[in-house]
Amino acid sequence: MSSKYYTMEFIVNDIVFVIFNEKLSPLGINDIEGYYKVMGHDHIGIWLKHPGILKVKTLDKKGKPLPESQRKEELIDGVFLATWGNIKTIMHFPDREGFDFPGLLDASKIGFKNTK
């Protein structure tokens, strides 16, 4: 295993296992641990792909309740910031199929390639 796997830059776009110090229930995340795709990081924390926010349309245009058969579900993509203070640990799986995607700073993407 190369030392490139030991920096934050090389986990962007990868799936990691995160253990939080507390639940993020207001965001719809009710476990203190889980697998998340890393979208980025900064000095405040790590940006993770949300597993999906399920929005259910329960009212019609006039504000009256819709029958269950007419309710529509919408899965909304989102990204959330897990602050460094709420992260107990992050586990990365370099080279594991399905978990390690090409990162933004992969060495193979730097420079020029000769196609001959």
Protein backbone atom coordinates (compact mmCIF):
# COMPACT_ATOMS: atom_id res chain seq x y z
CA MET A 1 0.00 0.00 0.00
CA SER A 2 1.38 3.37 -1.03
CA SER A 3 1.53 6.32 1.37
CA LYS A 4 -0.81 8.20 -0.99
CA TYR A 5 -3.68 6.52 0.85
CA TYR A 6 -2.83 8.34 4.07
CA THR A 7 -3.90 11.82 3.01
CA MET A 8 -7.36 13.33 2.73
CA GLU A 9 -6.85 14.28 -0.91
CA PHE A 10 -6.92 10.65 -1.99
CA ILE A 11 -10.25 9.74 -0.39
CA VAL A 12 -12.30 12.29 -2.34
CA ASN A 13 -14.80 10.34 -4.49
CA ASP A 14 -14.20 7.15 -2.46
CA ILE A 15 -16.55 5.32 -0.10
CA VAL A 16 -15.41 5.47 3.53
CA PHE A 17 -16.72 4.16 6.82
CA VAL A 18 -17.37 6.99 9.31
CA ILE A 19 -18.11 6.82 13.03
CA PHE A 20 -19.65 10.00 14.40
CA ASN A 21 -19.58 11.16 18.03
CA GLU A 22 -23.34 11.73 17.90
CA LYS A 23 -26.28 11.03 15.61
CA LEU A 24 -27.24 13.53 12.91
CA SER A 25 -30.98 12.92 13.36
CA PRO A 26 -32.07 16.37 12.11
CA LEU A 27 -30.46 15.40 8.78
CA GLY A 28 -32.25 12.05 8.70
CA ILE A 29 -29.12 10.12 9.71
CA ASN A 30 -30.09 8.04 12.73
CA ASP A 31 -26.97 5.91 13.16
CA ILE A 32 -23.62 7.02 14.54
CA GLU A 33 -21.80 5.02 11.87
CA GLY A 34 -22.15 4.28 8.20
CA TYR A 35 -20.64 4.18 4.71
CA TYR A 36 -20.53 7.46 2.81
CA LYS A 37 -19.05 8.78 -0.41
CA VAL A 38 -16.56 11.59 0.25
CA MET A 39 -17.39 14.64 -1.86
CA GLY A 40 -14.72 16.96 -0.43
CA HIS A 41 -13.16 18.35 2.73
CA ASP A 42 -12.14 21.67 4.19
CA HIS A 43 -11.00 23.19 7.48
CA ILE A 44 -14.48 22.77 9.00
CA GLY A 45 -15.02 19.09 8.19
CA ILE A 46 -15.68 16.50 5.54
CA TRP A 47 -18.42 16.75 2.89
CA LEU A 48 -20.30 13.46 2.52
CA LYS A 49 -22.97 12.33 0.09
CA HIS A 50 -26.25 11.98 1.94
CA PRO A 51 -27.84 8.53 1.60
CA GLY A 52 -30.98 10.27 0.32
CA ILE A 53 -33.74 12.42 1.69
CA LEU A 54 -37.18 10.99 1.07
CA LYS A 55 -39.78 13.70 0.55
CA VAL A 56 -43.41 12.58 0.41
CA LYS A 57 -46.04 14.88 -1.07
CA THR A 58 -49.00 14.45 1.30
CA LEU A 59 -51.04 17.60 0.55
CA ASP A 60 -52.75 18.78 -2.62
CA LYS A 61 -52.53 22.35 -4.02
CA LYS A 62 -55.27 23.49 -1.65
CA GLY A 63 -53.49 22.05 1.40
CA LYS A 64 -55.84 19.11 1.83
CA PRO A 65 -54.42 15.63 2.63
CA LEU A 66 -53.94 13.33 -0.36
CA PRO A 67 -55.14 9.72 -0.23
CA GLU A 68 -52.24 7.27 0.13
CA SER A 69 -52.68 6.07 -3.45
CA GLN A 70 -52.03 9.62 -4.76
CA ARG A 71 -49.02 10.44 -2.56
CA LYS A 72 -45.77 10.87 -4.43
CA GLU A 73 -42.32 10.07 -3.09
CA GLU A 74 -39.23 11.94 -4.23
CA LEU A 75 -35.68 10.88 -3.35
CA ILE A 76 -33.55 14.01 -3.08
CA ASP A 77 -29.77 13.86 -3.47
CA GLY A 78 -27.77 15.92 -1.02
CA VAL A 79 -24.37 16.53 0.47
CA PHE A 80 -23.80 17.32 4.15
CA LEU A 81 -20.90 18.61 6.19
CA ALA A 82 -19.76 16.42 9.06
CA THR A 83 -17.66 18.70 11.24
CA TRP A 84 -14.28 17.43 12.41
CA GLY A 85 -15.47 17.70 16.03
CA ASN A 86 -18.25 15.19 15.37
CA ILE A 87 -16.07 12.57 13.69
CA LYS A 88 -14.63 9.83 15.87
CA THR A 89 -12.86 8.01 13.03
CA ILE A 90 -12.81 7.46 9.27
CA MET A 91 -11.83 4.15 7.68
CA HIS A 92 -10.72 4.10 4.03
CA PHE A 93 -10.61 0.99 1.83
CA PRO A 94 -7.92 1.61 -0.81
CA ASP A 95 -8.10 -0.65 -3.83
CA ARG A 96 -11.28 -2.41 -2.65
CA GLU A 97 -13.62 -2.80 -5.62
CA GLY A 98 -16.67 -0.59 -5.30
CA PHE A 99 -15.15 1.54 -2.53
CA ASP A 100 -12.07 3.08 -4.15
CA PHE A 101 -12.96 5.28 -7.08
CA PRO A 102 -10.51 7.39 -9.09
CA GLY A 103 -9.65 10.37 -6.88
CA LEU A 104 -9.25 13.94 -7.99
CA LEU A 105 -5.49 13.80 -7.47
CA ASP A 106 -4.69 10.34 -8.83
CA ALA A 107 -1.16 10.28 -10.19
CA SER A 108 -2.39 8.59 -13.38
CA LYS A 109 -4.40 11.71 -14.22
CA ILE A 110 -1.49 14.15 -13.88
CA GLY A 111 0.61 15.14 -16.89
CA PHE A 112 0.40 13.94 -20.47
CA LYS A 113 -0.09 10.49 -21.93
CA ASN A 114 1.57 9.19 -25.05
CA THR A 115 -0.97 7.11 -26.96
CA LYS A 116 1.66 5.48 -29.20
